[in-house]
Amino acid sequence: MKMQAVSNTTRTQQSAPKRGAARTQAQESFGDQVNLSPMKSTPVTAKWAPVQQVQVDTAGAVTRSLVPVLFLSDLDGTWLSPNAKNRETLDHGVLELKQEAREKGVDLQFGYISARPLERIQQENLPNSDWSITDNGGYIYNLQGKDAVWEEHKLASGFSANRAFEIAQELLKSPKFAGLNVTSVGKVVGNPAADACPDSANVCIHNDSVRLAKGETKEQLDSEHFTAPSQVQAFADAISKRLRKEGAEFQLSPVYPFHGKPYVMFDLASVNKGDAIAYLKEKENLSPQHIIIAGDGGNDIAMMLDQQGKDDGRRAIVVGENTKLRSAAESVSRAIIQSPTEDSSLGVLAGLRQHVEEIIAEVNR
């Protein structure tokens, strides 16, 4: 199916207002904290009632039901190719595919799922989307604003990003971890809003400060051959152990390289990308085979699997060189694993088109 260019694509750039937040000593050390003001919240309902989508002709008669499909893509290293022309091809191609799918009985909703805060997503001048999942699953936004039910769900975890960084600072006094150059994502990228989510602590460690154990080499810090240094993994596990002892519920992500930065990082969060997708699956009454995700990093593994770590039939698109993600995708029956040399934007678009065409064929069988 030949893709036609879409002209005059409507885009918006919204600026999220900021409000002040109190700082702890740990925040001053690891990154400024800026909270984004909440957008208009969706109503809280006792039961999530899926809305049936229908097509209507000009006379007002219902012609056919639309089957809901959800496509969510990571941004850095996935949707956001460094090649501006290829990125634009994806921007236009998704909107075109959305329209094509609707004409064939499929309501293709799409959105972004990223470690970025909302304001950093909005700065990318992306196509208007149905969903934005920010801070690695920390917040879910739809066309009406922040999802209030998701906000209530997170309150029960007892996890605090501030506390995670306080523990990290205390552990640096131990000889085992002394000398590690530990900071936050906000400090690394020069954007305090990246540290604003209280439900996610993104811990970054400068590669040059890591003490490599016997048999470990600097080459293993390269994206293509990445293996977590034992000292960094031990540091992540030590923070995790302290938090759990205090009663916090959260997930610890695998250690992974920072995109294009001389850092390794890991996340501790009350929710992750996979949890957010599981929530939307239930809320929107989606079949697993009608969920499509795209990613390029270790923290995207949770998106490909259900909350028990099993392949439930959802669809995946894998781009980039991350060996852990590519290995995990090998066990996912509906994963499209693009060549590591394939441009990420073009790889996402090609994979999305293949998945959507398969769904359309099934729907119209």
Protein backbone atom coordinates (compact mmCIF):
# COMPACT_ATOMS: atom_id res chain seq x y z
CA MET A 1 0.00 0.00 0.00
CA LYS A 2 1.71 3.17 -1.17
CA MET A 3 1.93 5.97 1.35
CA GLN A 4 0.82 9.41 0.22
CA ALA A 5 2.21 12.56 1.77
CA VAL A 6 -0.04 14.49 4.13
CA SER A 7 0.22 18.27 3.86
CA ASN A 8 -0.55 20.98 6.36
CA THR A 9 -0.55 18.65 9.34
CA THR A 10 -2.09 20.42 12.33
CA ARG A 11 0.20 20.56 15.32
CA THR A 12 0.00 22.28 18.67
CA GLN A 13 2.53 23.20 21.27
CA GLN A 14 1.02 23.68 24.71
CA SER A 15 2.94 25.02 27.63
CA ALA A 16 2.16 23.38 30.94
CA PRO A 17 2.16 25.89 33.81
CA LYS A 18 4.48 25.24 36.71
CA ARG A 19 3.94 25.47 40.42
CA GLY A 20 6.54 25.64 43.14
CA ALA A 21 7.49 22.59 45.18
CA ALA A 22 9.34 22.28 48.46
CA ARG A 23 12.86 20.90 48.17
CA THR A 24 14.66 18.40 50.31
CA GLN A 25 18.43 18.16 50.70
CA ALA A 26 18.39 15.11 48.42
CA GLN A 27 16.56 17.06 45.70
CA GLU A 28 19.15 19.80 45.80
CA SER A 29 21.87 17.19 45.37
CA PHE A 30 20.27 15.13 42.63
CA GLY A 31 18.07 17.51 40.65
CA ASP A 32 15.65 20.38 40.96
CA GLN A 33 12.02 19.33 41.34
CA VAL A 34 9.30 21.15 39.44
CA ASN A 35 5.72 19.87 39.54
CA LEU A 36 3.51 20.35 36.52
CA SER A 37 0.07 21.74 37.25
CA PRO A 38 -2.56 19.07 36.60
CA MET A 39 -4.65 19.34 33.49
CA LYS A 40 -8.41 18.92 33.64
CA SER A 41 -9.07 15.48 35.09
CA THR A 42 -11.36 12.85 33.63
CA PRO A 43 -14.35 11.91 35.80
CA VAL A 44 -13.89 9.13 38.34
CA THR A 45 -16.38 6.33 37.71
CA ALA A 46 -17.18 3.25 39.75
CA LYS A 47 -16.95 1.14 36.62
CA TRP A 48 -14.99 1.71 33.43
CA ALA A 49 -17.56 1.53 30.66
CA PRO A 50 -16.01 1.11 27.20
CA VAL A 51 -17.43 3.45 24.58
CA GLN A 52 -18.45 1.74 21.38
CA GLN A 53 -17.11 3.60 18.36
CA VAL A 54 -19.31 3.71 15.27
CA GLN A 55 -19.19 5.19 11.82
CA VAL A 56 -22.17 7.31 10.81
CA ASP A 57 -23.19 8.29 7.28
CA THR A 58 -24.47 11.76 6.34
CA ALA A 59 -28.07 10.71 7.00
CA GLY A 60 -27.19 9.78 10.58
CA ALA A 61 -27.54 6.01 10.12
CA VAL A 62 -25.03 3.71 11.79
CA THR A 63 -23.04 1.83 9.17
CA ARG A 64 -20.60 -0.35 11.14
CA SER A 65 -18.86 -0.67 14.48
CA LEU A 66 -15.24 0.39 14.73
CA VAL A 67 -12.81 -1.97 16.42
CA PRO A 68 -10.57 -0.06 18.90
CA VAL A 69 -6.80 -0.47 18.48
CA LEU A 70 -4.18 1.27 20.65
CA PHE A 71 -0.69 2.14 19.39
CA LEU A 72 1.81 3.57 21.90
CA SER A 73 5.39 4.47 21.02
CA ASP A 74 8.44 5.36 23.06
CA LEU A 75 10.02 8.63 21.90
CA ASP A 76 13.80 8.87 22.33
CA GLY A 77 15.50 6.37 20.06
CA THR A 78 12.14 5.18 18.72
CA TRP A 79 9.69 7.73 17.28
CA LEU A 80 12.29 10.51 17.36
CA SER A 81 14.78 9.65 14.65
CA PRO A 82 17.80 11.97 14.38
CA ASN A 83 16.92 12.19 10.69
CA ALA A 84 14.35 15.01 10.46
CA LYS A 85 12.99 13.85 7.11
CA ASN A 86 12.37 10.31 8.37
CA ARG A 87 10.79 11.64 11.54
CA GLU A 88 8.42 13.73 9.41
CA THR A 89 7.58 10.65 7.34
CA LEU A 90 6.49 8.88 10.52
CA ASP A 91 4.52 11.91 11.75
CA HIS A 92 2.55 12.06 8.50
CA GLY A 93 2.37 8.31 8.03
CA VAL A 94 0.67 7.62 11.37
CA LEU A 95 -2.03 10.21 10.67
CA GLU A 96 -2.59 8.79 7.21
CA LEU A 97 -2.73 5.25 8.54
CA LYS A 98 -5.23 6.33 11.22
CA GLN A 99 -7.56 7.60 8.51
CA GLU A 100 -7.08 4.53 6.31
CA ALA A 101 -7.82 2.24 9.24
CA ARG A 102 -11.00 4.10 10.12
CA GLU A 103 -12.30 3.65 6.58
CA LYS A 104 -11.78 -0.10 7.01
CA GLY A 105 -13.45 -0.55 10.38
CA VAL A 106 -10.59 0.11 12.81
CA ASP A 107 -10.37 2.99 15.29
CA LEU A 108 -6.58 3.42 15.54
CA GLN A 109 -5.81 5.48 18.62
CA PHE A 110 -2.16 6.44 19.06
CA GLY A 111 0.01 8.12 21.62
CA TYR A 112 3.41 8.53 23.22
CA ILE A 113 4.81 6.62 26.19
CA SER A 114 8.03 8.09 27.46
CA ALA A 115 10.26 8.84 30.43
CA ARG A 116 9.83 12.50 29.50
CA PRO A 117 7.48 14.80 31.44
CA LEU A 118 4.51 16.22 29.56
CA GLU A 119 6.09 19.58 28.76
CA ARG A 120 9.11 17.88 27.14
CA ILE A 121 6.80 15.79 24.96
CA GLN A 122 4.88 18.91 23.93
CA GLN A 123 8.10 20.65 22.91
CA GLU A 124 8.74 18.07 20.17
CA ASN A 125 5.94 19.41 17.93
CA LEU A 126 4.46 15.94 17.55
CA PRO A 127 1.14 15.14 15.84
CA ASN A 128 -1.91 15.56 18.05
CA SER A 129 -2.42 12.26 19.84
CA ASP A 130 -5.17 10.45 21.70
CA TRP A 131 -2.88 9.61 24.65
CA SER A 132 0.32 10.78 26.32
CA ILE A 133 1.87 8.56 29.00
CA THR A 134 4.70 10.41 30.69
CA ASP A 135 7.40 9.79 33.31
CA ASN A 136 7.68 6.07 32.40
CA GLY A 137 4.01 5.52 33.25
CA GLY A 138 3.79 8.07 36.04
CA TYR A 139 0.99 10.08 34.43
CA ILE A 140 -1.64 9.23 31.83
CA TYR A 141 -3.22 12.03 29.79
CA ASN A 142 -6.05 11.73 27.28
CA LEU A 143 -7.85 14.40 25.29
CA GLN A 144 -9.63 15.60 28.43
CA GLY A 145 -6.53 15.83 30.61
CA LYS A 146 -4.95 13.79 33.40
CA ASP A 147 -6.57 10.45 34.22
CA ALA A 148 -7.88 10.81 37.79
CA VAL A 149 -8.47 7.09 38.40
CA TRP A 150 -4.81 6.38 37.60
CA GLU A 151 -3.79 9.08 40.08
CA GLU A 152 -5.80 7.40 42.84
CA HIS A 153 -4.25 4.02 42.00
CA LYS A 154 -0.71 5.32 42.56
CA LEU A 155 -1.39 6.70 46.04
CA ALA A 156 -1.48 3.22 47.58
CA SER A 157 2.16 2.37 46.75
CA GLY A 158 3.88 4.36 49.51
CA PHE A 159 6.77 5.09 47.12
CA SER A 160 8.55 8.45 47.07
CA ALA A 161 11.16 9.55 44.54
CA ASN A 162 12.55 11.94 47.15
CA ARG A 163 13.13 9.07 49.55
CA ALA A 164 14.87 7.01 46.86
CA PHE A 165 17.38 9.81 46.28
CA GLU A 166 17.85 10.33 50.01
CA ILE A 167 18.79 6.66 50.36
CA ALA A 168 21.12 6.94 47.35
CA GLN A 169 22.92 9.83 49.03
CA GLU A 170 23.29 7.84 52.25
CA LEU A 171 24.70 4.81 50.40
CA LEU A 172 27.39 6.93 48.75
CA LYS A 173 29.03 7.24 52.18
CA SER A 174 29.75 3.50 52.07
CA PRO A 175 33.21 2.47 50.72
CA LYS A 176 31.42 0.07 48.38
CA PHE A 177 29.80 2.95 46.49
CA ALA A 178 32.06 5.91 47.32
CA GLY A 179 33.13 7.85 44.25
CA LEU A 180 30.06 7.14 42.15
CA ASN A 181 28.92 10.28 40.33
CA VAL A 182 25.17 9.97 40.89
CA THR A 183 22.63 12.46 39.60
CA SER A 184 19.12 12.68 38.16
CA VAL A 185 17.77 12.78 34.62
CA GLY A 186 16.80 16.42 35.09
CA LYS A 187 20.39 17.36 35.88
CA VAL A 188 21.74 15.39 32.91
CA VAL A 189 19.40 16.90 30.33
CA GLY A 190 19.26 20.36 31.94
CA ASN A 191 15.51 20.24 32.47
CA PRO A 192 14.20 20.25 36.08
CA ALA A 193 10.75 19.11 34.92
CA ALA A 194 12.24 15.70 34.17
CA ASP A 195 12.54 15.17 37.94
CA ALA A 196 9.06 16.40 38.78
CA CYS A 197 7.18 13.10 39.03
CA PRO A 198 7.09 11.94 42.69
CA ASP A 199 6.29 8.39 41.58
CA SER A 200 9.51 7.79 39.61
CA ALA A 201 13.18 8.17 40.52
CA ASN A 202 15.45 8.05 37.46
CA VAL A 203 18.98 7.53 38.80
CA CYS A 204 21.92 8.32 36.50
CA ILE A 205 25.56 7.36 37.13
CA HIS A 206 28.43 8.76 35.07
CA ASN A 207 30.32 5.96 33.32
CA ASP A 208 33.74 7.29 34.32
CA SER A 209 32.89 7.06 38.02
CA VAL A 210 32.03 3.35 37.94
CA ARG A 211 34.58 0.94 39.39
CA LEU A 212 34.62 -2.01 37.04
CA ALA A 213 35.08 -5.43 38.59
CA LYS A 214 37.58 -8.01 37.39
CA GLY A 215 36.62 -9.14 33.92
CA GLU A 216 34.48 -6.06 33.21
CA THR A 217 35.51 -3.62 30.47
CA LYS A 218 34.50 -0.15 29.31
CA GLU A 219 33.23 -1.69 26.06
CA GLN A 220 30.32 -3.25 27.92
CA LEU A 221 29.00 0.26 28.57
CA ASP A 222 28.45 0.80 24.83
CA SER A 223 24.81 0.60 23.77
CA GLU A 224 25.41 -2.23 21.31
CA HIS A 225 27.15 -4.50 23.83
CA PHE A 226 25.73 -3.16 27.06
CA THR A 227 26.00 -5.23 30.23
CA ALA A 228 25.26 -3.68 33.60
CA PRO A 229 28.41 -3.11 35.70
CA SER A 230 28.21 -5.11 38.93
CA GLN A 231 28.81 -2.03 41.11
CA VAL A 232 25.87 -0.18 39.53
CA GLN A 233 23.59 -3.19 39.85
CA ALA A 234 24.58 -3.56 43.50
CA PHE A 235 23.83 0.13 44.08
CA ALA A 236 20.38 -0.22 42.50
CA ASP A 237 19.66 -3.34 44.55
CA ALA A 238 20.77 -1.62 47.77
CA ILE A 239 18.39 1.31 47.22
CA SER A 240 15.62 -1.15 46.41
CA LYS A 241 16.26 -3.21 49.54
CA ARG A 242 16.09 -0.14 51.79
CA LEU A 243 12.86 1.09 50.23
CA ARG A 244 11.16 -2.30 50.52
CA LYS A 245 12.22 -2.56 54.15
CA GLU A 246 10.41 0.74 54.70
CA GLY A 247 7.26 -0.70 53.13
CA ALA A 248 7.30 0.95 49.70
CA GLU A 249 5.86 -0.90 46.71
CA PHE A 250 7.60 -0.23 43.39
CA GLN A 251 9.46 -1.74 40.44
CA LEU A 252 13.18 -1.59 39.78
CA SER A 253 14.04 -1.39 36.09
CA PRO A 254 17.09 -3.06 34.54
CA VAL A 255 20.23 -0.92 34.38
CA TYR A 256 20.50 0.55 30.88
CA PRO A 257 22.58 3.11 28.94
CA PHE A 258 21.35 6.68 28.63
CA HIS A 259 20.57 7.69 25.04
CA GLY A 260 23.70 9.35 23.67
CA LYS A 261 25.00 10.30 27.14
CA PRO A 262 28.02 8.91 29.05
CA TYR A 263 25.74 7.60 31.78
CA VAL A 264 24.11 4.38 32.86
CA MET A 265 20.76 4.63 34.59
CA PHE A 266 17.98 2.74 36.30
CA ASP A 267 14.51 3.64 37.47
CA LEU A 268 12.60 2.98 40.67
CA ALA A 269 8.91 3.71 40.25
CA SER A 270 5.56 2.94 41.82
CA VAL A 271 4.31 2.23 38.28
CA ASN A 272 5.98 1.55 34.96
CA LYS A 273 5.09 1.61 31.28
CA GLY A 274 3.71 -1.91 31.45
CA ASP A 275 1.39 -1.02 34.34
CA ALA A 276 0.03 1.96 32.40
CA ILE A 277 -0.72 -0.22 29.38
CA ALA A 278 -2.41 -2.85 31.56
CA TYR A 279 -4.62 -0.11 33.00
CA LEU A 280 -5.58 1.21 29.55
CA LYS A 281 -6.24 -2.33 28.32
CA GLU A 282 -8.90 -2.76 31.01
CA LYS A 283 -10.21 0.80 30.90
CA GLU A 284 -10.66 0.80 27.11
CA ASN A 285 -11.74 -2.86 26.92
CA LEU A 286 -8.95 -3.73 24.48
CA SER A 287 -8.04 -7.18 23.21
CA PRO A 288 -4.30 -7.86 23.69
CA GLN A 289 -3.85 -8.45 19.96
CA HIS A 290 -5.19 -4.93 19.37
CA ILE A 291 -2.44 -3.31 21.43
CA ILE A 292 0.70 -2.24 19.53
CA ILE A 293 3.78 -0.90 21.28
CA ALA A 294 7.11 0.38 19.94
CA GLY A 295 10.35 0.78 21.86
CA ASP A 296 14.13 0.63 21.79
CA GLY A 297 15.34 0.25 25.40
CA GLY A 298 15.44 -2.08 28.38
CA ASN A 299 12.68 -0.19 30.19
CA ASP A 300 10.40 -0.95 27.22
CA ILE A 301 10.40 -4.70 27.93
CA ALA A 302 7.53 -4.25 30.39
CA MET A 303 5.38 -2.89 27.53
CA MET A 304 5.67 -6.09 25.50
CA LEU A 305 4.44 -8.44 28.26
CA ASP A 306 1.52 -8.69 30.65
CA GLN A 307 1.95 -7.98 34.36
CA GLN A 308 2.97 -11.59 34.98
CA GLY A 309 5.77 -11.24 32.43
CA LYS A 310 3.98 -13.41 29.87
CA ASP A 311 3.26 -12.97 26.17
CA ASP A 312 -0.49 -12.27 26.09
CA GLY A 313 -0.68 -11.77 22.33
CA ARG A 314 -0.06 -8.04 22.11
CA ARG A 315 1.96 -6.65 19.22
CA ALA A 316 5.41 -5.07 19.41
CA ILE A 317 7.83 -3.14 17.21
CA VAL A 318 11.46 -3.20 18.29
CA VAL A 319 14.05 -0.79 16.90
CA GLY A 320 17.62 0.02 17.89
CA GLU A 321 20.49 -2.06 19.22
CA ASN A 322 19.48 -2.90 22.79
CA THR A 323 20.34 -6.57 23.16
CA LYS A 324 18.13 -7.20 26.22
CA LEU A 325 15.06 -5.78 24.49
CA ARG A 326 15.77 -7.64 21.27
CA SER A 327 16.31 -10.88 23.17
CA ALA A 328 13.07 -10.42 25.12
CA ALA A 329 11.19 -9.71 21.89
CA GLU A 330 12.29 -13.06 20.47
CA SER A 331 9.78 -14.74 22.79
CA VAL A 332 6.89 -12.45 21.82
CA SER A 333 4.83 -14.08 19.09
CA ARG A 334 3.64 -10.85 17.46
CA ALA A 335 6.88 -8.85 17.71
CA ILE A 336 8.42 -7.24 14.64
CA ILE A 337 12.15 -6.86 15.32
CA GLN A 338 13.68 -4.37 12.90
CA SER A 339 17.33 -4.43 11.85
CA PRO A 340 19.52 -2.57 14.38
CA THR A 341 20.73 -0.41 11.49
CA GLU A 342 17.20 0.56 10.40
CA ASP A 343 16.26 4.19 10.99
CA SER A 344 14.03 4.19 14.07
CA SER A 345 11.22 6.35 12.63
CA LEU A 346 11.04 4.34 9.43
CA GLY A 347 11.24 1.08 11.35
CA VAL A 348 8.33 2.11 13.57
CA LEU A 349 6.19 3.16 10.60
CA ALA A 350 6.88 -0.03 8.64
CA GLY A 351 6.11 -2.20 11.67
CA LEU A 352 2.96 -0.26 12.51
CA ARG A 353 1.65 -0.56 8.97
CA GLN A 354 2.24 -4.33 8.99
CA HIS A 355 0.45 -4.77 12.31
CA VAL A 356 -2.50 -2.57 11.34
CA GLU A 357 -2.93 -4.28 7.99
CA GLU A 358 -3.02 -7.65 9.77
CA ILE A 359 -5.68 -6.35 12.18
CA ILE A 360 -7.75 -4.89 9.33
CA ALA A 361 -7.60 -8.22 7.50
CA GLU A 362 -8.82 -10.04 10.64
CA VAL A 363 -11.60 -7.51 11.28
CA ASN A 364 -12.90 -7.74 7.72
CA ARG A 365 -12.52 -11.50 7.34
